[in-house]
Amino acid sequence: MGLDVRSGYNTTIPAHITTPDRVATSIGELRFVDGVPTPETASRVFDHLDLVRGVEAFLGCIPAASLEGMR
């Protein structure tokens, strides 16, 4: 079994799996350089995750607070 070894990168990358340089989202425009988020984008995403997790924690405690209120 022979292997076809060629120097360089010659495989075509499908466009649907690449990361665009800019993505418009509900939290603003996110920017990427070669698929890696810029420091500003990473900070914005982590801030949004903090908010979402805080809301999730609050909503998760509502049933327990309701049960405590019924006592």
N, C-alpha and C. Protein backbone atom coordinates (compact mmCIF):
# COMPACT_ATOMS: atom_id res chain seq x y z
N MET A 1 0.85 -1.16 0.00
CA MET A 1 0.00 0.00 0.00
C MET A 1 0.90 1.23 0.00
N GLY A 2 0.80 2.05 -1.03
CA GLY A 2 1.64 3.24 -1.12
C GLY A 2 0.90 4.48 -0.65
N LEU A 3 1.63 5.37 -0.05
CA LEU A 3 1.06 6.63 0.41
C LEU A 3 1.45 7.74 -0.54
N ASP A 4 0.52 8.61 -0.86
CA ASP A 4 0.79 9.75 -1.72
C ASP A 4 1.21 10.91 -0.82
N VAL A 5 2.50 11.12 -0.70
CA VAL A 5 3.03 12.17 0.18
C VAL A 5 3.39 13.38 -0.68
N ARG A 6 2.76 14.50 -0.37
CA ARG A 6 3.03 15.74 -1.10
C ARG A 6 3.44 16.82 -0.11
N SER A 7 4.32 17.66 -0.54
CA SER A 7 4.73 18.75 0.35
C SER A 7 3.68 19.85 0.31
N GLY A 8 3.48 20.49 1.43
CA GLY A 8 2.52 21.58 1.50
C GLY A 8 1.11 21.11 1.81
N TYR A 9 0.26 22.07 1.97
CA TYR A 9 -1.13 21.80 2.32
C TYR A 9 -1.97 22.00 1.07
N ASN A 10 -2.64 20.96 0.61
CA ASN A 10 -3.36 21.07 -0.64
C ASN A 10 -4.81 20.61 -0.56
N THR A 11 -5.33 20.41 0.63
CA THR A 11 -6.71 19.99 0.79
C THR A 11 -7.62 21.21 0.84
N THR A 12 -8.69 21.17 0.08
CA THR A 12 -9.64 22.28 0.07
C THR A 12 -10.47 22.24 1.35
N ILE A 13 -10.58 23.39 2.01
CA ILE A 13 -11.35 23.48 3.25
C ILE A 13 -12.76 23.94 2.90
N PRO A 14 -13.78 23.19 3.32
CA PRO A 14 -15.15 23.61 3.04
C PRO A 14 -15.48 24.93 3.75
N ALA A 15 -16.15 25.82 3.06
CA ALA A 15 -16.46 27.14 3.61
C ALA A 15 -17.36 27.07 4.84
N HIS A 16 -18.20 26.05 4.95
CA HIS A 16 -19.15 25.98 6.07
C HIS A 16 -18.50 25.59 7.40
N ILE A 17 -17.21 25.22 7.41
CA ILE A 17 -16.57 24.88 8.68
C ILE A 17 -15.55 25.92 9.12
N THR A 18 -15.36 26.97 8.34
CA THR A 18 -14.40 28.00 8.72
C THR A 18 -15.08 29.04 9.61
N THR A 19 -14.28 29.74 10.41
CA THR A 19 -14.79 30.79 11.29
C THR A 19 -14.64 32.12 10.58
N PRO A 20 -15.74 32.87 10.44
CA PRO A 20 -15.62 34.19 9.81
C PRO A 20 -14.84 35.15 10.71
N ASP A 21 -14.33 36.23 10.12
CA ASP A 21 -13.57 37.22 10.89
C ASP A 21 -14.46 38.03 11.82
N ARG A 22 -15.72 38.20 11.44
CA ARG A 22 -16.67 38.97 12.25
C ARG A 22 -18.01 38.25 12.28
N VAL A 23 -18.62 38.22 13.48
CA VAL A 23 -19.93 37.58 13.65
C VAL A 23 -20.81 38.55 14.42
N ALA A 24 -21.96 38.91 13.84
CA ALA A 24 -22.91 39.79 14.52
C ALA A 24 -23.79 38.93 15.43
N THR A 25 -23.84 39.28 16.74
CA THR A 25 -24.63 38.54 17.71
C THR A 25 -25.45 39.50 18.55
N SER A 26 -26.28 38.96 19.42
CA SER A 26 -27.09 39.81 20.31
C SER A 26 -26.23 40.54 21.35
N ILE A 27 -25.01 40.08 21.58
CA ILE A 27 -24.13 40.76 22.54
C ILE A 27 -23.12 41.66 21.84
N GLY A 28 -23.31 41.86 20.56
CA GLY A 28 -22.42 42.72 19.79
C GLY A 28 -21.64 41.93 18.76
N GLU A 29 -20.78 42.64 18.06
CA GLU A 29 -19.98 42.00 17.03
C GLU A 29 -18.79 41.28 17.66
N LEU A 30 -18.63 40.01 17.34
CA LEU A 30 -17.50 39.23 17.82
C LEU A 30 -16.48 39.13 16.70
N ARG A 31 -15.22 39.35 17.03
CA ARG A 31 -14.15 39.34 16.02
C ARG A 31 -13.18 38.20 16.29
N PHE A 32 -12.70 37.61 15.19
CA PHE A 32 -11.79 36.48 15.25
C PHE A 32 -10.63 36.71 14.29
N VAL A 33 -9.45 36.23 14.67
CA VAL A 33 -8.27 36.27 13.81
C VAL A 33 -7.84 34.83 13.61
N ASP A 34 -7.96 34.34 12.39
CA ASP A 34 -7.65 32.95 12.06
C ASP A 34 -8.42 31.97 12.95
N GLY A 35 -9.66 32.30 13.26
CA GLY A 35 -10.50 31.42 14.06
C GLY A 35 -10.35 31.59 15.57
N VAL A 36 -9.42 32.43 15.99
CA VAL A 36 -9.17 32.65 17.43
C VAL A 36 -9.81 33.98 17.83
N PRO A 37 -10.60 34.00 18.92
CA PRO A 37 -11.23 35.26 19.32
C PRO A 37 -10.21 36.28 19.80
N THR A 38 -10.49 37.55 19.52
CA THR A 38 -9.63 38.62 20.02
C THR A 38 -9.84 38.73 21.53
N PRO A 39 -8.92 39.35 22.25
CA PRO A 39 -9.10 39.50 23.70
C PRO A 39 -10.41 40.20 24.06
N GLU A 40 -10.82 41.20 23.29
CA GLU A 40 -12.08 41.90 23.55
C GLU A 40 -13.27 40.96 23.37
N THR A 41 -13.23 40.14 22.34
CA THR A 41 -14.31 39.17 22.10
C THR A 41 -14.38 38.15 23.21
N ALA A 42 -13.23 37.63 23.62
CA ALA A 42 -13.21 36.63 24.70
C ALA A 42 -13.77 37.23 25.99
N SER A 43 -13.39 38.47 26.30
CA SER A 43 -13.89 39.14 27.50
C SER A 43 -15.40 39.33 27.42
N ARG A 44 -15.89 39.75 26.26
CA ARG A 44 -17.33 39.97 26.09
C ARG A 44 -18.10 38.66 26.26
N VAL A 45 -17.59 37.58 25.71
CA VAL A 45 -18.27 36.28 25.81
C VAL A 45 -18.26 35.78 27.26
N PHE A 46 -17.13 35.92 27.96
CA PHE A 46 -17.08 35.49 29.36
C PHE A 46 -18.01 36.33 30.24
N ASP A 47 -18.10 37.64 29.97
CA ASP A 47 -19.04 38.49 30.72
C ASP A 47 -20.48 38.03 30.48
N HIS A 48 -20.79 37.69 29.24
CA HIS A 48 -22.13 37.21 28.93
C HIS A 48 -22.41 35.87 29.62
N LEU A 49 -21.42 34.98 29.63
CA LEU A 49 -21.59 33.69 30.32
C LEU A 49 -21.81 33.89 31.81
N ASP A 50 -21.11 34.85 32.42
CA ASP A 50 -21.33 35.16 33.84
C ASP A 50 -22.77 35.59 34.08
N LEU A 51 -23.29 36.45 33.21
CA LEU A 51 -24.68 36.91 33.34
C LEU A 51 -25.65 35.74 33.19
N VAL A 52 -25.46 34.93 32.16
CA VAL A 52 -26.36 33.81 31.91
C VAL A 52 -26.34 32.82 33.07
N ARG A 53 -25.17 32.54 33.60
CA ARG A 53 -25.07 31.59 34.73
C ARG A 53 -25.70 32.17 35.99
N GLY A 54 -25.60 33.48 36.18
CA GLY A 54 -26.26 34.11 37.32
C GLY A 54 -27.77 34.02 37.22
N VAL A 55 -28.30 34.26 36.03
CA VAL A 55 -29.74 34.14 35.81
C VAL A 55 -30.18 32.70 36.02
N GLU A 56 -29.38 31.76 35.51
CA GLU A 56 -29.68 30.33 35.67
C GLU A 56 -29.73 29.94 37.15
N ALA A 57 -28.77 30.44 37.93
CA ALA A 57 -28.74 30.13 39.37
C ALA A 57 -29.97 30.72 40.06
N PHE A 58 -30.34 31.94 39.71
CA PHE A 58 -31.52 32.57 40.29
C PHE A 58 -32.78 31.77 39.97
N LEU A 59 -32.95 31.43 38.70
CA LEU A 59 -34.15 30.69 38.28
C LEU A 59 -34.18 29.29 38.89
N GLY A 60 -33.02 28.69 39.09
CA GLY A 60 -32.96 27.36 39.69
C GLY A 60 -33.35 27.36 41.15
N CYS A 61 -33.22 28.50 41.82
CA CYS A 61 -33.55 28.58 43.25
C CYS A 61 -35.00 28.97 43.51
N ILE A 62 -35.73 29.36 42.50
CA ILE A 62 -37.13 29.77 42.69
C ILE A 62 -37.97 28.64 43.28
N PRO A 63 -37.89 27.40 42.78
CA PRO A 63 -38.70 26.34 43.39
C PRO A 63 -38.39 26.12 44.87
N ALA A 64 -37.12 26.17 45.24
CA ALA A 64 -36.75 25.98 46.64
C ALA A 64 -37.28 27.13 47.50
N ALA A 65 -37.21 28.34 46.98
CA ALA A 65 -37.73 29.49 47.73
C ALA A 65 -39.25 29.39 47.88
N SER A 66 -39.92 28.89 46.86
CA SER A 66 -41.38 28.72 46.94
C SER A 66 -41.75 27.68 47.99
N LEU A 67 -41.01 26.59 48.04
CA LEU A 67 -41.27 25.56 49.05
C LEU A 67 -41.02 26.11 50.45
N GLU A 68 -39.97 26.88 50.61
CA GLU A 68 -39.67 27.47 51.91
C GLU A 68 -40.77 28.45 52.31
N GLY A 69 -41.29 29.18 51.34
CA GLY A 69 -42.36 30.14 51.62
C GLY A 69 -43.66 29.48 52.03
N MET A 70 -43.87 28.23 51.64
CA MET A 70 -45.11 27.52 51.99
C MET A 70 -45.08 26.96 53.40
N ARG A 71 -43.94 26.95 54.04
CA ARG A 71 -43.84 26.39 55.39
C ARG A 71 -44.53 27.24 56.40
